[in-house]
C-alpha cells in the first residue's frame, strides 16, 4: 500500500498554549512525531497540515512537506478529519494518489517508528478491514463509573460491576496515537472508526497524550525510565 502520513497541528490551544512546540526532554513536542514518521520504512510520504508559521521552518528542518491549512479549517470545533481530507485533495490535485492515510497526532510523543510500521503491517494483513485505530487498556475499569446527584453517588453501570477488577472484561480506549484508513473509506466516513476497524494495542506508557503541561512531566519521566 502507498500510505500518506498526516501530522495535523492547528495554531492555538485553549488548554495548553503553544503545545506543539513545548519542550519535552530537550526537543519540541512535535519533533517526536516528525522523527517517528521519518523513521518509518512503510510510509510513502509524510506531510504537516498546519496554519502555524512557527512550524514551517521546523518541518523543513526535518524534511516534512507542509500543507497550509485554510482558515476555515482552523477553528477548534472543526474535526481534524477535514484537514486530512484537505491534504489529500491538495496532493491529489498534483497527481499524487494514495491507497490509505495515517493520522499521526503531534501530542503522542512516545509513539515510535516501530509502532507506525507494526500498525501498517497489521492493517495490510487484514484486507477486510477498512480502518485501524491505536488503543490501550483502561488504567481503571470504566465499569466503576459513578453518577452524582445532589451529592450522592450511584454506580452508572449498576452494582453488578462493582467487583474485583480481575473479574471484569478487558476493555480498551482509543489513545489517539495512530489512525489508518483506506482513502475512499476515510473520505466517505470522515472518521477512522468504521464498521470494520482494527485495534492496534499499545502499552500504557506509549499511550500518553499531551493535553496539559503536567502531561509533559509524566512523559519526561517515562522517557527517562529504562524499563
N, C-alpha and C. Protein backbone atom coordinates (compact mmCIF):
# COMPACT_ATOMS: atom_id res chain seq x y z
N UNK A 1 0.82 -1.21 0.00
CA UNK A 1 0.00 0.00 0.00
C UNK A 1 0.86 1.26 0.00
N UNK A 2 0.42 2.27 -0.74
CA UNK A 2 1.02 3.59 -0.65
C UNK A 2 0.25 4.36 0.42
N UNK A 3 0.91 4.67 1.52
CA UNK A 3 0.24 5.29 2.66
C UNK A 3 0.81 6.68 2.92
N UNK A 4 -0.08 7.64 3.04
CA UNK A 4 0.29 9.02 3.37
C UNK A 4 0.14 9.23 4.87
N UNK A 5 1.19 9.74 5.50
CA UNK A 5 1.11 10.11 6.90
C UNK A 5 0.81 11.60 7.03
N UNK A 6 -0.18 11.94 7.84
CA UNK A 6 -0.55 13.34 8.04
C UNK A 6 -0.42 13.69 9.52
N UNK A 7 0.36 14.73 9.78
CA UNK A 7 0.51 15.27 11.14
C UNK A 7 -0.28 16.58 11.19
N UNK A 8 -1.43 16.62 11.87
CA UNK A 8 -2.21 17.85 11.93
C UNK A 8 -1.79 18.69 13.14
N UNK A 9 -1.56 19.98 12.92
CA UNK A 9 -1.13 20.85 14.02
C UNK A 9 -1.71 22.24 13.83
N UNK A 10 -2.88 22.45 14.37
CA UNK A 10 -3.53 23.76 14.26
C UNK A 10 -2.90 24.75 15.25
N UNK A 11 -2.79 26.00 14.81
CA UNK A 11 -2.24 27.04 15.68
C UNK A 11 -3.22 27.35 16.80
N UNK A 12 -2.70 27.47 18.00
CA UNK A 12 -3.55 27.83 19.13
C UNK A 12 -4.07 26.61 19.86
N UNK A 13 -4.09 26.69 21.18
CA UNK A 13 -4.65 25.63 22.01
C UNK A 13 -5.23 26.28 23.25
N UNK A 14 -6.49 25.99 23.51
CA UNK A 14 -7.17 26.62 24.65
C UNK A 14 -6.64 26.09 25.98
N UNK A 15 -6.33 24.79 26.02
CA UNK A 15 -5.92 24.19 27.28
C UNK A 15 -4.43 24.38 27.57
N UNK A 16 -3.63 24.47 26.51
CA UNK A 16 -2.17 24.47 26.68
C UNK A 16 -1.58 25.30 25.55
N UNK A 17 -1.20 26.54 25.85
CA UNK A 17 -0.71 27.45 24.85
C UNK A 17 0.62 26.95 24.26
N UNK A 18 0.74 27.07 22.93
CA UNK A 18 1.96 26.66 22.21
C UNK A 18 2.35 25.22 22.52
N UNK A 19 1.36 24.36 22.58
CA UNK A 19 1.58 22.97 22.99
C UNK A 19 2.54 22.23 22.06
N UNK A 20 2.37 22.38 20.76
CA UNK A 20 3.17 21.57 19.83
C UNK A 20 4.65 21.91 19.86
N UNK A 21 4.99 23.12 20.36
CA UNK A 21 6.40 23.49 20.44
C UNK A 21 6.91 23.51 21.88
N UNK A 22 6.11 22.99 22.80
CA UNK A 22 6.57 22.86 24.19
C UNK A 22 7.77 21.92 24.24
N UNK A 23 8.68 22.18 25.15
CA UNK A 23 9.90 21.39 25.24
C UNK A 23 9.69 20.15 26.10
N UNK A 24 10.05 19.01 25.51
CA UNK A 24 9.99 17.73 26.21
C UNK A 24 11.36 17.07 26.09
N UNK A 25 12.05 16.96 27.20
CA UNK A 25 13.37 16.32 27.23
C UNK A 25 14.31 16.89 26.16
N UNK A 26 14.31 18.22 26.03
CA UNK A 26 15.25 18.89 25.13
C UNK A 26 14.81 19.03 23.70
N UNK A 27 13.61 18.53 23.35
CA UNK A 27 13.10 18.66 21.98
C UNK A 27 11.69 19.22 22.01
N UNK A 28 11.31 19.86 20.91
CA UNK A 28 9.93 20.32 20.81
C UNK A 28 9.01 19.12 20.63
N UNK A 29 7.84 19.23 21.23
CA UNK A 29 6.90 18.10 21.25
C UNK A 29 6.65 17.53 19.86
N UNK A 30 6.40 18.38 18.89
CA UNK A 30 6.05 17.88 17.55
C UNK A 30 7.22 17.18 16.87
N UNK A 31 8.44 17.45 17.31
CA UNK A 31 9.60 16.81 16.70
C UNK A 31 9.61 15.30 16.93
N UNK A 32 9.00 14.84 18.00
CA UNK A 32 8.92 13.40 18.25
C UNK A 32 8.10 12.72 17.15
N UNK A 33 7.04 13.39 16.71
CA UNK A 33 6.22 12.83 15.63
C UNK A 33 6.95 12.92 14.29
N UNK A 34 7.67 14.02 14.08
CA UNK A 34 8.47 14.14 12.86
C UNK A 34 9.48 12.99 12.76
N UNK A 35 10.18 12.76 13.86
CA UNK A 35 11.24 11.74 13.85
C UNK A 35 10.66 10.33 13.72
N UNK A 36 9.54 10.07 14.40
CA UNK A 36 8.92 8.75 14.29
C UNK A 36 8.45 8.50 12.86
N UNK A 37 7.84 9.51 12.25
CA UNK A 37 7.35 9.37 10.87
C UNK A 37 8.50 9.17 9.90
N UNK A 38 9.57 9.94 10.08
CA UNK A 38 10.72 9.82 9.18
C UNK A 38 11.43 8.48 9.35
N UNK A 39 11.33 7.90 10.51
CA UNK A 39 11.98 6.61 10.76
C UNK A 39 11.18 5.42 10.24
N UNK A 40 9.94 5.68 9.81
CA UNK A 40 9.10 4.60 9.29
C UNK A 40 9.63 4.11 7.95
N UNK A 41 9.60 2.80 7.75
CA UNK A 41 10.01 2.20 6.49
C UNK A 41 8.82 1.96 5.56
N UNK A 42 7.62 2.23 6.07
CA UNK A 42 6.43 1.84 5.30
C UNK A 42 5.55 3.01 4.87
N UNK A 43 5.79 4.20 5.41
CA UNK A 43 5.03 5.36 4.94
C UNK A 43 5.60 5.85 3.62
N UNK A 44 4.75 6.11 2.67
CA UNK A 44 5.19 6.60 1.37
C UNK A 44 5.64 8.06 1.46
N UNK A 45 4.88 8.83 2.24
CA UNK A 45 5.17 10.26 2.37
C UNK A 45 4.56 10.76 3.67
N UNK A 46 5.14 11.84 4.22
CA UNK A 46 4.61 12.45 5.45
C UNK A 46 4.45 13.95 5.21
N UNK A 47 3.31 14.49 5.61
CA UNK A 47 3.08 15.93 5.48
C UNK A 47 2.59 16.49 6.81
N UNK A 48 2.82 17.78 6.99
CA UNK A 48 2.30 18.52 8.14
C UNK A 48 1.18 19.43 7.65
N UNK A 49 -0.01 19.28 8.22
CA UNK A 49 -1.13 20.16 7.90
C UNK A 49 -1.23 21.20 9.01
N UNK A 50 -0.96 22.46 8.66
CA UNK A 50 -0.92 23.48 9.72
C UNK A 50 -1.19 24.87 9.16
N UNK A 51 -1.57 25.77 10.06
CA UNK A 51 -1.66 27.20 9.77
C UNK A 51 -0.69 27.97 10.66
N UNK A 52 0.21 27.24 11.32
CA UNK A 52 1.14 27.83 12.28
C UNK A 52 2.50 28.08 11.61
N UNK A 53 2.77 29.35 11.32
CA UNK A 53 4.01 29.72 10.64
C UNK A 53 5.24 29.30 11.43
N UNK A 54 5.12 29.22 12.76
CA UNK A 54 6.25 28.85 13.61
C UNK A 54 6.73 27.43 13.34
N UNK A 55 5.85 26.62 12.74
CA UNK A 55 6.21 25.22 12.48
C UNK A 55 6.82 25.02 11.10
N UNK A 56 6.76 26.03 10.24
CA UNK A 56 7.23 25.86 8.87
C UNK A 56 8.70 25.48 8.80
N UNK A 57 9.54 26.28 9.44
CA UNK A 57 10.98 26.01 9.40
C UNK A 57 11.33 24.71 10.12
N UNK A 58 10.62 24.45 11.20
CA UNK A 58 10.88 23.21 11.96
C UNK A 58 10.56 21.99 11.10
N UNK A 59 9.45 22.05 10.36
CA UNK A 59 9.07 20.95 9.48
C UNK A 59 10.10 20.78 8.37
N UNK A 60 10.54 21.90 7.79
CA UNK A 60 11.53 21.84 6.71
C UNK A 60 12.84 21.25 7.21
N UNK A 61 13.20 21.59 8.44
CA UNK A 61 14.43 21.04 9.04
C UNK A 61 14.39 19.52 9.08
N UNK A 62 13.20 18.96 9.27
CA UNK A 62 13.04 17.51 9.35
C UNK A 62 12.63 16.90 8.01
N UNK A 63 12.58 17.70 6.97
CA UNK A 63 12.22 17.19 5.65
C UNK A 63 10.76 16.84 5.50
N UNK A 64 9.92 17.48 6.30
CA UNK A 64 8.47 17.23 6.25
C UNK A 64 7.81 18.28 5.36
N UNK A 65 7.05 17.82 4.37
CA UNK A 65 6.34 18.75 3.48
C UNK A 65 5.18 19.41 4.21
N UNK A 66 4.95 20.69 3.91
CA UNK A 66 3.90 21.45 4.58
C UNK A 66 2.69 21.61 3.67
N UNK A 67 1.53 21.33 4.23
CA UNK A 67 0.26 21.62 3.56
C UNK A 67 -0.38 22.75 4.37
N UNK A 68 -0.44 23.94 3.78
CA UNK A 68 -1.00 25.07 4.51
C UNK A 68 -2.52 24.91 4.63
N UNK A 69 -2.97 24.90 5.86
CA UNK A 69 -4.39 24.68 6.12
C UNK A 69 -5.16 25.99 5.98
N UNK A 70 -6.26 26.00 5.24
CA UNK A 70 -7.04 27.24 5.08
C UNK A 70 -7.72 27.64 6.39
N UNK A 71 -8.00 28.94 6.51
CA UNK A 71 -8.55 29.49 7.75
C UNK A 71 -9.82 28.80 8.20
N UNK A 72 -10.67 28.42 7.24
CA UNK A 72 -11.96 27.83 7.62
C UNK A 72 -11.82 26.45 8.27
N UNK A 73 -10.62 25.86 8.17
CA UNK A 73 -10.40 24.56 8.81
C UNK A 73 -9.55 24.67 10.08
N UNK A 74 -9.43 25.90 10.59
CA UNK A 74 -8.53 26.13 11.74
C UNK A 74 -9.25 26.45 13.04
N UNK A 75 -10.57 26.33 13.05
CA UNK A 75 -11.31 26.57 14.28
C UNK A 75 -11.32 25.31 15.15
N UNK A 76 -11.34 25.46 16.47
CA UNK A 76 -11.29 24.30 17.38
C UNK A 76 -12.39 23.28 17.14
N UNK A 77 -13.55 23.74 16.70
CA UNK A 77 -14.68 22.84 16.53
C UNK A 77 -14.63 22.06 15.21
N UNK A 78 -13.70 22.40 14.33
CA UNK A 78 -13.59 21.71 13.04
C UNK A 78 -12.89 20.38 13.24
N UNK A 79 -13.49 19.27 12.85
CA UNK A 79 -12.86 17.95 13.03
C UNK A 79 -11.54 17.86 12.26
N UNK A 80 -10.56 17.18 12.85
CA UNK A 80 -9.26 17.03 12.19
C UNK A 80 -9.39 16.24 10.89
N UNK A 81 -10.47 15.45 10.77
CA UNK A 81 -10.69 14.67 9.55
C UNK A 81 -10.76 15.58 8.33
N UNK A 82 -11.33 16.77 8.50
CA UNK A 82 -11.47 17.68 7.35
C UNK A 82 -10.12 18.22 6.90
N UNK A 83 -9.20 18.41 7.84
CA UNK A 83 -7.86 18.87 7.46
C UNK A 83 -7.10 17.77 6.73
N UNK A 84 -7.36 16.51 7.10
CA UNK A 84 -6.73 15.39 6.42
C UNK A 84 -7.28 15.24 5.00
N UNK A 85 -8.58 15.41 4.86
CA UNK A 85 -9.20 15.35 3.53
C UNK A 85 -8.67 16.49 2.67
N UNK A 86 -8.48 17.65 3.26
CA UNK A 86 -7.91 18.79 2.53
C UNK A 86 -6.51 18.46 2.03
N UNK A 87 -5.69 17.85 2.88
CA UNK A 87 -4.33 17.48 2.48
C UNK A 87 -4.36 16.48 1.33
N UNK A 88 -5.27 15.52 1.40
CA UNK A 88 -5.40 14.53 0.33
C UNK A 88 -5.79 15.20 -0.99
N UNK A 89 -6.68 16.20 -0.90
CA UNK A 89 -7.12 16.90 -2.12
C UNK A 89 -5.97 17.72 -2.72
N UNK A 90 -5.22 18.41 -1.87
CA UNK A 90 -4.10 19.21 -2.36
C UNK A 90 -3.10 18.32 -3.10
N UNK A 91 -2.78 17.20 -2.50
CA UNK A 91 -1.82 16.28 -3.13
C UNK A 91 -2.43 15.62 -4.36
N UNK A 92 -3.72 15.31 -4.28
CA UNK A 92 -4.40 14.70 -5.42
C UNK A 92 -4.41 15.62 -6.63
N UNK A 93 -4.58 16.92 -6.38
CA UNK A 93 -4.56 17.89 -7.47
C UNK A 93 -3.19 17.95 -8.14
N UNK A 94 -2.17 17.50 -7.43
CA UNK A 94 -0.82 17.45 -8.00
C UNK A 94 -0.54 16.12 -8.69
N UNK A 95 -1.54 15.24 -8.65
CA UNK A 95 -1.37 13.93 -9.27
C UNK A 95 -0.87 12.86 -8.34
N UNK A 96 -0.81 13.16 -7.04
CA UNK A 96 -0.35 12.17 -6.05
C UNK A 96 -1.57 11.41 -5.50
N UNK A 97 -1.55 10.10 -5.63
CA UNK A 97 -2.64 9.27 -5.16
C UNK A 97 -2.11 8.29 -4.11
N UNK A 98 -2.94 8.02 -3.11
CA UNK A 98 -2.56 7.11 -2.03
C UNK A 98 -3.67 6.10 -1.77
N UNK A 99 -3.26 4.91 -1.34
CA UNK A 99 -4.24 3.87 -1.03
C UNK A 99 -4.87 4.09 0.35
N UNK A 100 -4.06 4.60 1.26
CA UNK A 100 -4.53 4.78 2.64
C UNK A 100 -3.88 6.02 3.23
N UNK A 101 -4.48 6.50 4.32
CA UNK A 101 -3.95 7.68 5.00
C UNK A 101 -3.80 7.35 6.48
N UNK A 102 -2.74 7.88 7.09
CA UNK A 102 -2.48 7.65 8.51
C UNK A 102 -2.47 8.97 9.26
N UNK A 103 -3.18 9.00 10.36
CA UNK A 103 -3.17 10.14 11.28
C UNK A 103 -2.06 9.94 12.30
N UNK A 104 -1.23 10.97 12.47
CA UNK A 104 -0.17 10.96 13.48
C UNK A 104 -0.30 12.24 14.30
N UNK A 105 -1.01 12.15 15.41
CA UNK A 105 -1.21 13.34 16.22
C UNK A 105 0.10 13.77 16.88
N UNK A 106 0.40 15.07 16.88
CA UNK A 106 1.66 15.54 17.46
C UNK A 106 1.70 15.48 18.98
N UNK A 107 0.57 15.12 19.59
CA UNK A 107 0.51 15.06 21.05
C UNK A 107 0.81 13.66 21.60
N UNK A 108 1.30 12.77 20.72
CA UNK A 108 1.65 11.40 21.13
C UNK A 108 3.16 11.19 20.95
N UNK A 109 3.97 11.74 21.84
CA UNK A 109 5.43 11.72 21.62
C UNK A 109 6.10 10.37 21.82
N UNK A 110 5.42 9.44 22.48
CA UNK A 110 6.06 8.15 22.77
C UNK A 110 5.72 7.08 21.75
N UNK A 111 4.92 7.43 20.76
CA UNK A 111 4.68 6.54 19.62
C UNK A 111 5.95 6.50 18.77
N UNK A 112 6.38 5.30 18.39
CA UNK A 112 7.65 5.14 17.70
C UNK A 112 7.48 4.76 16.22
N UNK A 113 8.60 4.77 15.51
CA UNK A 113 8.59 4.31 14.11
C UNK A 113 8.14 2.86 14.03
N UNK A 114 8.55 2.05 15.01
CA UNK A 114 8.14 0.64 15.02
C UNK A 114 6.63 0.51 15.19
N UNK A 115 6.05 1.36 16.04
CA UNK A 115 4.59 1.33 16.21
C UNK A 115 3.90 1.66 14.89
N UNK A 116 4.42 2.66 14.19
CA UNK A 116 3.84 3.04 12.91
C UNK A 116 3.89 1.87 11.93
N UNK A 117 5.07 1.26 11.80
CA UNK A 117 5.23 0.17 10.82
C UNK A 117 4.46 -1.08 11.24
N UNK A 118 4.44 -1.37 12.54
CA UNK A 118 3.70 -2.55 13.01
C UNK A 118 2.20 -2.39 12.77
N UNK A 119 1.70 -1.18 12.95
CA UNK A 119 0.26 -0.95 12.72
C UNK A 119 -0.06 -1.08 11.23
N UNK A 120 0.84 -0.62 10.38
CA UNK A 120 0.63 -0.76 8.93
C UNK A 120 0.63 -2.23 8.54
N UNK A 121 1.56 -3.00 9.09
CA UNK A 121 1.62 -4.43 8.77
C UNK A 121 0.35 -5.14 9.22
N UNK A 122 -0.16 -4.78 10.39
CA UNK A 122 -1.41 -5.37 10.87
C UNK A 122 -2.56 -5.02 9.93
N UNK A 123 -2.60 -3.78 9.49
CA UNK A 123 -3.66 -3.33 8.59
C UNK A 123 -3.59 -4.06 7.25
N UNK A 124 -2.38 -4.21 6.72
CA UNK A 124 -2.22 -4.86 5.42
C UNK A 124 -2.50 -6.36 5.49
N UNK A 125 -2.30 -6.96 6.66
CA UNK A 125 -2.58 -8.39 6.82
C UNK A 125 -4.07 -8.69 6.96
N UNK A 126 -4.86 -7.64 7.12
CA UNK A 126 -6.31 -7.81 7.28
C UNK A 126 -7.03 -7.03 6.18
N UNK A 127 -7.07 -7.58 4.97
CA UNK A 127 -7.64 -6.86 3.82
C UNK A 127 -9.12 -6.53 3.98
N UNK A 128 -9.83 -7.22 4.86
CA UNK A 128 -11.25 -6.93 5.05
C UNK A 128 -11.47 -5.70 5.93
N UNK A 129 -10.43 -5.26 6.64
CA UNK A 129 -10.55 -4.09 7.49
C UNK A 129 -10.54 -2.82 6.63
N UNK A 130 -11.35 -1.86 7.02
CA UNK A 130 -11.36 -0.58 6.31
C UNK A 130 -10.59 0.49 7.06
N UNK A 131 -10.32 0.26 8.36
CA UNK A 131 -9.57 1.24 9.13
C UNK A 131 -8.92 0.56 10.33
N UNK A 132 -8.08 1.33 11.00
CA UNK A 132 -7.37 0.86 12.21
C UNK A 132 -7.21 2.05 13.13
N UNK A 133 -7.29 1.77 14.43
CA UNK A 133 -7.05 2.81 15.42
C UNK A 133 -6.24 2.23 16.56
N UNK A 134 -5.27 3.00 17.05
CA UNK A 134 -4.47 2.52 18.17
C UNK A 134 -5.25 2.64 19.47
N UNK A 135 -5.09 1.64 20.32
CA UNK A 135 -5.82 1.58 21.59
C UNK A 135 -4.89 1.13 22.70
N UNK A 136 -5.35 1.31 23.93
CA UNK A 136 -4.66 0.75 25.09
C UNK A 136 -5.71 0.35 26.10
N UNK A 137 -5.31 -0.48 27.05
CA UNK A 137 -6.23 -0.86 28.11
C UNK A 137 -6.51 0.33 29.02
N UNK A 138 -7.69 0.37 29.58
CA UNK A 138 -8.01 1.38 30.58
C UNK A 138 -7.15 1.15 31.82
N UNK A 139 -6.64 2.23 32.39
CA UNK A 139 -5.86 2.08 33.62
C UNK A 139 -6.78 1.77 34.80
N UNK A 140 -8.00 2.28 34.77
CA UNK A 140 -9.03 1.98 35.77
C UNK A 140 -10.27 1.49 35.03
N UNK A 141 -10.94 0.46 35.54
CA UNK A 141 -12.12 -0.07 34.83
C UNK A 141 -13.22 0.99 34.68
N UNK A 142 -13.65 1.27 33.46
CA UNK A 142 -14.74 2.23 33.28
C UNK A 142 -16.06 1.73 33.86
N UNK A 143 -16.10 0.42 34.15
CA UNK A 143 -17.31 -0.16 34.74
C UNK A 143 -17.59 0.43 36.13
N UNK A 144 -16.56 1.04 36.74
CA UNK A 144 -16.73 1.62 38.08
C UNK A 144 -17.20 3.06 38.04
N UNK A 145 -17.62 3.55 36.88
CA UNK A 145 -18.06 4.94 36.75
C UNK A 145 -19.26 5.20 37.66
N UNK A 146 -19.30 6.42 38.19
CA UNK A 146 -20.36 6.81 39.11
C UNK A 146 -21.13 8.01 38.58
N UNK A 147 -22.41 8.05 38.88
CA UNK A 147 -23.23 9.23 38.65
C UNK A 147 -23.38 9.95 39.98
N UNK A 148 -23.49 11.29 39.92
CA UNK A 148 -23.68 12.05 41.16
C UNK A 148 -24.89 12.95 41.02
N UNK A 149 -25.77 12.89 42.00
CA UNK A 149 -26.96 13.73 42.04
C UNK A 149 -27.20 14.18 43.47
N UNK A 150 -27.27 15.48 43.63
CA UNK A 150 -27.47 16.07 44.96
C UNK A 150 -26.41 15.60 45.96
N UNK A 151 -25.20 15.37 45.43
CA UNK A 151 -24.10 14.98 46.31
C UNK A 151 -23.98 13.49 46.56
N UNK A 152 -24.95 12.70 46.10
CA UNK A 152 -24.93 11.26 46.33
C UNK A 152 -24.53 10.53 45.04
N UNK A 153 -23.72 9.47 45.18
CA UNK A 153 -23.24 8.75 44.01
C UNK A 153 -23.92 7.39 43.88
N UNK A 154 -24.12 6.99 42.62
CA UNK A 154 -24.67 5.67 42.32
C UNK A 154 -23.88 5.09 41.15
N UNK A 155 -23.74 3.77 41.12
CA UNK A 155 -23.00 3.15 40.01
C UNK A 155 -23.69 3.39 38.67
N UNK A 156 -22.94 3.94 37.72
CA UNK A 156 -23.51 4.27 36.41
C UNK A 156 -23.95 3.01 35.67
N UNK A 157 -23.18 1.92 35.78
CA UNK A 157 -23.49 0.69 35.06
C UNK A 157 -24.13 -0.37 35.96
N UNK A 158 -24.48 0.01 37.17
CA UNK A 158 -25.13 -0.94 38.08
C UNK A 158 -24.15 -1.58 39.07
N UNK A 159 -24.68 -2.08 40.16
CA UNK A 159 -23.86 -2.66 41.23
C UNK A 159 -23.11 -3.92 40.81
N UNK A 160 -23.63 -4.62 39.81
CA UNK A 160 -23.02 -5.90 39.43
C UNK A 160 -21.58 -5.74 38.95
N UNK A 161 -21.20 -4.51 38.54
CA UNK A 161 -19.83 -4.29 38.06
C UNK A 161 -18.89 -3.84 39.17
N UNK A 162 -19.43 -3.65 40.38
CA UNK A 162 -18.56 -3.27 41.49
C UNK A 162 -17.98 -4.53 42.12
N UNK A 163 -17.09 -5.16 41.36
CA UNK A 163 -16.40 -6.38 41.79
C UNK A 163 -14.91 -6.17 41.57
N UNK A 164 -14.12 -7.14 41.98
CA UNK A 164 -12.68 -7.08 41.77
C UNK A 164 -12.38 -6.90 40.29
N UNK A 165 -11.43 -6.01 39.96
CA UNK A 165 -11.16 -5.68 38.55
C UNK A 165 -10.77 -6.89 37.72
N UNK A 166 -10.15 -7.91 38.36
CA UNK A 166 -9.76 -9.12 37.63
C UNK A 166 -10.97 -9.87 37.08
N UNK A 167 -12.14 -9.64 37.66
CA UNK A 167 -13.35 -10.34 37.23
C UNK A 167 -14.09 -9.58 36.13
N UNK A 168 -13.63 -8.40 35.79
CA UNK A 168 -14.30 -7.59 34.77
C UNK A 168 -13.72 -7.87 33.39
N UNK A 169 -14.51 -7.75 32.34
CA UNK A 169 -13.99 -7.97 30.99
C UNK A 169 -12.95 -6.91 30.63
N UNK A 170 -11.96 -7.29 29.84
CA UNK A 170 -10.92 -6.36 29.42
C UNK A 170 -11.49 -5.44 28.34
N UNK A 171 -11.34 -4.15 28.55
CA UNK A 171 -11.82 -3.17 27.57
C UNK A 171 -10.71 -2.18 27.25
N UNK A 172 -10.85 -1.52 26.11
CA UNK A 172 -9.80 -0.65 25.61
C UNK A 172 -10.36 0.74 25.31
N UNK A 173 -9.45 1.68 25.24
CA UNK A 173 -9.82 3.05 24.85
C UNK A 173 -8.91 3.49 23.71
N UNK A 174 -9.40 4.37 22.84
CA UNK A 174 -8.51 4.92 21.80
C UNK A 174 -7.48 5.81 22.45
N UNK A 175 -6.21 5.70 22.01
CA UNK A 175 -5.19 6.56 22.61
C UNK A 175 -4.76 7.71 21.70
N UNK A 176 -5.29 7.75 20.48
CA UNK A 176 -5.05 8.88 19.60
C UNK A 176 -3.71 8.91 18.89
N UNK A 177 -2.88 7.90 19.11
CA UNK A 177 -1.53 7.93 18.54
C UNK A 177 -1.51 7.64 17.05
N UNK A 178 -2.34 6.69 16.61
CA UNK A 178 -2.32 6.25 15.21
C UNK A 178 -3.74 5.98 14.72
N UNK A 179 -4.02 6.43 13.53
CA UNK A 179 -5.26 6.07 12.85
C UNK A 179 -4.92 5.77 11.39
N UNK A 180 -5.49 4.73 10.84
CA UNK A 180 -5.28 4.40 9.43
C UNK A 180 -6.64 4.12 8.79
N UNK A 181 -6.79 4.56 7.57
CA UNK A 181 -8.00 4.23 6.82
C UNK A 181 -7.68 4.21 5.34
N UNK A 182 -8.36 3.33 4.62
CA UNK A 182 -8.30 3.40 3.16
C UNK A 182 -8.89 4.75 2.76
N UNK A 183 -8.27 5.37 1.79
CA UNK A 183 -8.63 6.75 1.43
C UNK A 183 -10.11 6.88 1.08
N UNK A 184 -10.63 5.98 0.25
CA UNK A 184 -12.04 6.08 -0.15
C UNK A 184 -12.96 6.01 1.06
N UNK A 185 -12.66 5.11 1.99
CA UNK A 185 -13.50 4.96 3.19
C UNK A 185 -13.38 6.18 4.09
N UNK A 186 -12.17 6.74 4.17
CA UNK A 186 -11.99 7.90 5.04
C UNK A 186 -12.77 9.11 4.51
N UNK A 187 -12.71 9.33 3.22
CA UNK A 187 -13.44 10.46 2.63
C UNK A 187 -14.95 10.25 2.82
N UNK A 188 -15.38 9.02 2.71
CA UNK A 188 -16.81 8.70 2.88
C UNK A 188 -17.26 8.86 4.33
N UNK A 189 -16.48 8.33 5.28
CA UNK A 189 -16.88 8.31 6.68
C UNK A 189 -16.39 9.52 7.48
N UNK A 190 -15.34 10.18 6.98
CA UNK A 190 -14.71 11.30 7.69
C UNK A 190 -14.35 10.90 9.12
N UNK A 191 -13.88 9.68 9.24
CA UNK A 191 -13.54 9.15 10.56
C UNK A 191 -12.67 7.91 10.39
N UNK A 192 -11.86 7.64 11.42
CA UNK A 192 -11.07 6.41 11.43
C UNK A 192 -11.83 5.26 12.09
N UNK A 193 -13.04 5.54 12.55
CA UNK A 193 -13.89 4.49 13.09
C UNK A 193 -14.92 4.10 12.05
N UNK A 194 -14.90 2.84 11.64
CA UNK A 194 -15.82 2.32 10.65
C UNK A 194 -16.44 1.04 11.19
N UNK A 195 -17.19 0.36 10.36
CA UNK A 195 -17.79 -0.91 10.79
C UNK A 195 -16.74 -2.02 10.92
N UNK A 196 -15.58 -1.80 10.28
CA UNK A 196 -14.51 -2.80 10.34
C UNK A 196 -13.19 -2.12 10.71
N UNK A 197 -13.11 -1.71 11.98
CA UNK A 197 -11.93 -1.01 12.49
C UNK A 197 -11.09 -1.95 13.34
N UNK A 198 -9.86 -2.14 12.94
CA UNK A 198 -8.93 -2.94 13.71
C UNK A 198 -8.42 -2.14 14.90
N UNK A 199 -8.12 -2.84 16.00
CA UNK A 199 -7.49 -2.21 17.14
C UNK A 199 -6.02 -2.57 17.20
N UNK A 200 -5.17 -1.57 17.22
CA UNK A 200 -3.73 -1.78 17.36
C UNK A 200 -3.36 -1.46 18.80
N UNK A 201 -3.02 -2.50 19.57
CA UNK A 201 -2.82 -2.34 21.01
C UNK A 201 -1.43 -1.79 21.31
N UNK A 202 -1.41 -0.72 22.12
CA UNK A 202 -0.17 -0.12 22.59
C UNK A 202 -0.19 -0.11 24.12
N UNK A 203 0.98 -0.09 24.71
CA UNK A 203 1.08 -0.08 26.17
C UNK A 203 0.68 1.26 26.76
N UNK A 204 0.46 1.26 28.08
CA UNK A 204 0.04 2.49 28.77
C UNK A 204 1.07 3.60 28.64
N UNK A 205 2.35 3.24 28.76
CA UNK A 205 3.39 4.27 28.69
C UNK A 205 3.40 4.97 27.34
N UNK A 206 3.35 4.20 26.27
CA UNK A 206 3.39 4.79 24.93
C UNK A 206 2.12 5.56 24.59
N UNK A 207 1.09 5.35 25.37
CA UNK A 207 -0.22 5.92 25.04
C UNK A 207 -0.46 7.29 25.64
N UNK A 208 0.53 7.85 26.32
CA UNK A 208 0.31 9.16 26.93
C UNK A 208 0.03 10.20 25.85
N UNK A 209 -0.98 11.04 26.12
CA UNK A 209 -1.41 12.08 25.19
C UNK A 209 -1.23 13.42 25.89
N UNK A 210 -0.49 14.32 25.28
CA UNK A 210 -0.18 15.59 25.92
C UNK A 210 -1.33 16.57 25.72
N UNK A 211 -2.12 16.75 26.78
CA UNK A 211 -3.20 17.72 26.77
C UNK A 211 -2.91 18.91 27.67
N UNK A 212 -2.18 18.65 28.76
CA UNK A 212 -1.87 19.68 29.75
C UNK A 212 -0.37 19.68 30.04
N UNK A 213 0.10 20.74 30.67
CA UNK A 213 1.52 20.87 30.95
C UNK A 213 2.03 19.74 31.83
N UNK A 214 1.21 19.29 32.78
CA UNK A 214 1.68 18.22 33.66
C UNK A 214 1.87 16.90 32.92
N UNK A 215 1.22 16.75 31.75
CA UNK A 215 1.44 15.55 30.94
C UNK A 215 2.88 15.50 30.43
N UNK A 216 3.47 16.67 30.19
CA UNK A 216 4.87 16.72 29.78
C UNK A 216 5.79 16.16 30.84
N UNK A 217 5.49 16.46 32.10
CA UNK A 217 6.30 15.96 33.21
C UNK A 217 6.25 14.44 33.25
N UNK A 218 5.06 13.89 33.06
CA UNK A 218 4.91 12.44 33.07
C UNK A 218 5.65 11.81 31.89
N UNK A 219 5.51 12.42 30.71
CA UNK A 219 6.20 11.90 29.52
C UNK A 219 7.72 11.97 29.70
N UNK A 220 8.19 13.03 30.31
CA UNK A 220 9.63 13.18 30.54
C UNK A 220 10.13 12.10 31.50
N UNK A 221 9.34 11.80 32.50
CA UNK A 221 9.69 10.74 33.45
C UNK A 221 9.77 9.40 32.73
N UNK A 222 8.78 9.12 31.87
CA UNK A 222 8.75 7.86 31.15
C UNK A 222 9.94 7.74 30.20
N UNK A 223 10.28 8.84 29.52
CA UNK A 223 11.42 8.83 28.61
C UNK A 223 12.72 8.52 29.33
N UNK A 224 12.79 8.93 30.59
CA UNK A 224 14.00 8.69 31.37
C UNK A 224 14.00 7.38 32.12
N UNK A 225 12.88 6.63 32.00
CA UNK A 225 12.76 5.34 32.68
C UNK A 225 13.21 4.23 31.73
N UNK A 226 14.28 3.52 32.03
CA UNK A 226 14.77 2.49 31.11
C UNK A 226 13.89 1.25 31.03
N UNK A 227 12.94 1.09 31.96
CA UNK A 227 12.12 -0.12 31.97
C UNK A 227 11.02 -0.04 30.93
